[in-house]
């Protein structure tokens, strides 16, 4: 995976944080949960990228 995947994963994480914050501001529990879920998913992808980089490097 390349740098574009890393950038996409970081963007997904930031989008999740934003969604969670909007959910908190509007008291929308669904958006809060979706935002947290998106962050977890992005963080898992980032961790996988780090593992792949460790084996390559």
Protein backbone atom coordinates (compact mmCIF):
# COMPACT_ATOMS: atom_id res chain seq x y z
CA UNK A 1 0.00 0.00 0.00
CA UNK A 2 1.21 3.42 -0.79
CA UNK A 3 1.08 6.88 0.57
CA UNK A 4 -2.34 7.46 -0.97
CA UNK A 5 -3.77 4.70 1.22
CA UNK A 6 -2.21 6.23 4.31
CA UNK A 7 -3.67 9.61 3.42
CA UNK A 8 -7.08 8.06 2.78
CA UNK A 9 -6.99 6.26 6.14
CA UNK A 10 -6.08 9.48 7.96
CA UNK A 11 -8.87 11.32 6.14
CA UNK A 12 -11.32 8.60 7.21
CA UNK A 13 -10.16 8.99 10.80
CA UNK A 14 -10.65 12.76 10.70
CA UNK A 15 -14.07 12.35 9.09
CA UNK A 16 -15.03 10.00 11.91
CA UNK A 17 -13.86 12.49 14.53
CA UNK A 18 -15.86 15.25 12.88
CA UNK A 19 -18.97 13.08 12.70
CA UNK A 20 -18.60 12.15 16.36
CA UNK A 21 -18.24 15.82 17.38
CA UNK A 22 -21.30 16.83 15.36
CA UNK A 23 -23.18 13.99 17.01
CA UNK A 24 -22.12 15.24 20.43
CA UNK A 25 -23.10 18.82 19.59
CA UNK A 26 -26.53 17.78 18.31
CA UNK A 27 -27.03 15.00 20.88
CA UNK A 28 -27.30 12.48 18.04
CA UNK A 29 -26.16 9.14 19.44
CA UNK A 30 -26.22 7.44 16.04
CA UNK A 31 -23.73 9.91 14.58
CA UNK A 32 -21.56 9.59 17.68
CA UNK A 33 -21.47 5.81 17.28
CA UNK A 34 -20.85 5.99 13.53
CA UNK A 35 -18.04 8.48 14.06
CA UNK A 36 -16.37 6.27 16.63
CA UNK A 37 -16.77 3.26 14.35
CA UNK A 38 -15.17 5.09 11.44
CA UNK A 39 -12.26 6.09 13.65
CA UNK A 40 -11.72 2.51 14.82
CA UNK A 41 -11.83 1.23 11.26
CA UNK A 42 -9.33 3.85 10.10
CA UNK A 43 -7.03 3.15 13.04
CA UNK A 44 -7.05 -0.57 12.27
CA UNK A 45 -6.13 0.15 8.66
CA UNK A 46 -3.32 2.44 9.82
CA UNK A 47 -2.01 -0.27 12.14
CA UNK A 48 -2.02 -2.77 9.29
CA UNK A 49 -0.06 -0.29 7.16
CA UNK A 50 2.54 0.05 9.92
CA UNK A 51 2.93 -3.73 10.14
CA UNK A 52 3.37 -3.99 6.38
CA UNK A 53 5.94 -1.19 6.44
CA UNK A 54 7.84 -2.94 9.22
CA UNK A 55 8.15 -6.11 7.17
CA UNK A 56 9.19 -4.19 4.06
CA UNK A 57 11.72 -1.96 5.75
